[in-house]
Amino acid sequence: MSGFNSVNQGFLGGGAGGGSGSGTGFYKSQFKIGQPGSPMTAGETVLVISLENAKEDSESVYLDGSLLPEDEDDRISYQIVYAPTQVTITFNQAVLDTQLYQIKMAVTT
């Protein structure tokens, strides 16, 4: 397991065999808007995560401990786009100071 930086971001290894290309690992990031090191500032709606081999549809996005829905118009939610070297999460409402976000997803190792 690798270490987590000041915004609690890291990669937890896993998978059968332990070798490259052998299984699934897990990415986790936790940050509070307004704190030093946060990847977003109040008023923003887009979070870009540099991450290779993220497994599509494996994400969980939490706001202050509650799981956020995907693509809802009547409440805070998000849309996600996967690319080979990054994941882009777009929230339908701007983030606010002191909100705590947790992002988790599976990664092919």
Protein backbone atom coordinates (compact mmCIF):
# COMPACT_ATOMS: atom_id res chain seq x y z
CA MET A 1 0.00 0.00 0.00
CA SER A 2 1.34 3.40 -0.89
CA GLY A 3 1.19 6.40 1.40
CA PHE A 4 -1.47 9.06 1.34
CA ASN A 5 -0.64 12.74 0.86
CA SER A 6 -2.09 15.68 2.79
CA VAL A 7 -5.45 15.31 1.10
CA ASN A 8 -5.52 11.55 1.76
CA GLN A 9 -4.94 10.38 -1.78
CA GLY A 10 -3.40 7.06 -2.65
CA PHE A 11 -3.54 3.71 -4.32
CA LEU A 12 -4.25 0.46 -2.54
CA GLY A 13 -2.79 -2.49 -4.46
CA GLY A 14 -4.52 -5.78 -4.82
CA GLY A 15 -5.30 -8.61 -7.15
CA ALA A 16 -4.36 -12.21 -7.59
CA GLY A 17 -0.71 -13.01 -8.15
CA GLY A 18 0.52 -9.58 -7.16
CA GLY A 19 2.20 -8.94 -10.52
CA SER A 20 1.60 -6.24 -13.10
CA GLY A 21 -1.56 -6.81 -15.12
CA SER A 22 -2.75 -9.45 -12.69
CA GLY A 23 -5.76 -7.97 -11.01
CA THR A 24 -7.50 -5.02 -9.48
CA GLY A 25 -6.27 -2.28 -7.19
CA PHE A 26 -8.21 0.56 -5.64
CA TYR A 27 -7.78 4.33 -5.86
CA LYS A 28 -9.01 6.52 -3.01
CA SER A 29 -8.94 10.28 -2.55
CA GLN A 30 -10.37 12.32 0.30
CA PHE A 31 -10.25 16.11 0.47
CA LYS A 32 -12.01 19.03 2.10
CA ILE A 33 -12.78 22.11 0.04
CA GLY A 34 -10.87 25.12 1.37
CA GLN A 35 -8.02 23.15 2.93
CA PRO A 36 -4.45 23.39 1.61
CA GLY A 37 -3.78 20.72 -1.00
CA SER A 38 -7.41 20.28 -2.01
CA PRO A 39 -7.65 19.60 -5.77
CA MET A 40 -10.73 21.85 -5.99
CA THR A 41 -11.59 25.30 -4.66
CA ALA A 42 -15.00 26.72 -3.76
CA GLY A 43 -17.04 27.53 -6.85
CA GLU A 44 -15.49 24.89 -9.12
CA THR A 45 -17.45 22.04 -10.69
CA VAL A 46 -14.79 19.91 -12.45
CA LEU A 47 -12.28 17.52 -10.88
CA VAL A 48 -9.63 15.90 -13.11
CA ILE A 49 -7.81 12.90 -11.61
CA SER A 50 -4.60 11.70 -13.28
CA LEU A 51 -5.09 7.95 -13.14
CA GLU A 52 -4.28 5.16 -15.56
CA ASN A 53 -6.42 2.06 -16.07
CA ALA A 54 -9.45 3.16 -14.03
CA LYS A 55 -12.27 0.63 -14.41
CA GLU A 56 -15.37 2.24 -15.87
CA ASP A 57 -18.46 2.31 -13.67
CA SER A 58 -16.49 1.31 -10.57
CA GLU A 59 -16.52 4.74 -8.92
CA SER A 60 -18.14 5.83 -5.69
CA VAL A 61 -18.35 9.56 -4.97
CA TYR A 62 -19.26 10.69 -1.45
CA LEU A 63 -20.11 14.16 -0.13
CA ASP A 64 -19.91 14.55 3.65
CA GLY A 65 -20.34 10.78 4.02
CA SER A 66 -23.34 10.39 1.68
CA LEU A 67 -23.07 8.53 -1.61
CA LEU A 68 -23.84 10.89 -4.49
CA PRO A 69 -26.06 9.76 -7.38
CA GLU A 70 -24.96 9.99 -10.99
CA ASP A 71 -26.83 12.21 -13.50
CA GLU A 72 -29.64 13.56 -11.32
CA ASP A 73 -31.11 17.02 -11.95
CA ASP A 74 -33.00 17.60 -8.71
CA ARG A 75 -30.06 17.12 -6.29
CA ILE A 76 -26.29 17.35 -6.25
CA SER A 77 -24.86 14.68 -8.50
CA TYR A 78 -22.03 14.10 -10.95
CA GLN A 79 -21.12 12.89 -14.41
CA ILE A 80 -17.91 10.99 -15.05
CA VAL A 81 -15.74 10.53 -18.14
CA TYR A 82 -13.01 7.91 -18.29
CA ALA A 83 -9.93 8.35 -20.50
CA PRO A 84 -6.77 6.20 -20.71
CA THR A 85 -4.76 8.41 -18.32
CA GLN A 86 -7.36 10.41 -16.42
CA VAL A 87 -10.85 10.51 -14.99
CA THR A 88 -12.96 13.68 -15.14
CA ILE A 89 -15.79 14.20 -12.66
CA THR A 90 -18.18 17.09 -13.28
CA PHE A 91 -20.57 18.06 -10.49
CA ASN A 92 -23.89 19.70 -11.33
CA GLN A 93 -23.40 22.21 -8.50
CA ALA A 94 -20.34 24.19 -7.47
CA VAL A 95 -18.41 22.83 -4.50
CA LEU A 96 -18.50 24.81 -1.24
CA ASP A 97 -15.92 25.47 1.47
CA THR A 98 -15.77 22.77 4.18
CA GLN A 99 -17.46 20.09 2.05
CA LEU A 100 -15.69 16.74 2.44
CA TYR A 101 -15.38 14.59 -0.70
CA GLN A 102 -14.27 10.98 -1.03
CA ILE A 103 -13.63 9.39 -4.41
CA LYS A 104 -13.06 5.65 -4.73
CA MET A 105 -12.64 3.48 -7.82
CA ALA A 106 -11.13 0.25 -9.04
CA VAL A 107 -7.98 0.24 -11.17
CA THR A 108 -6.62 -2.58 -13.32
CA THR A 109 -3.11 -3.43 -12.13
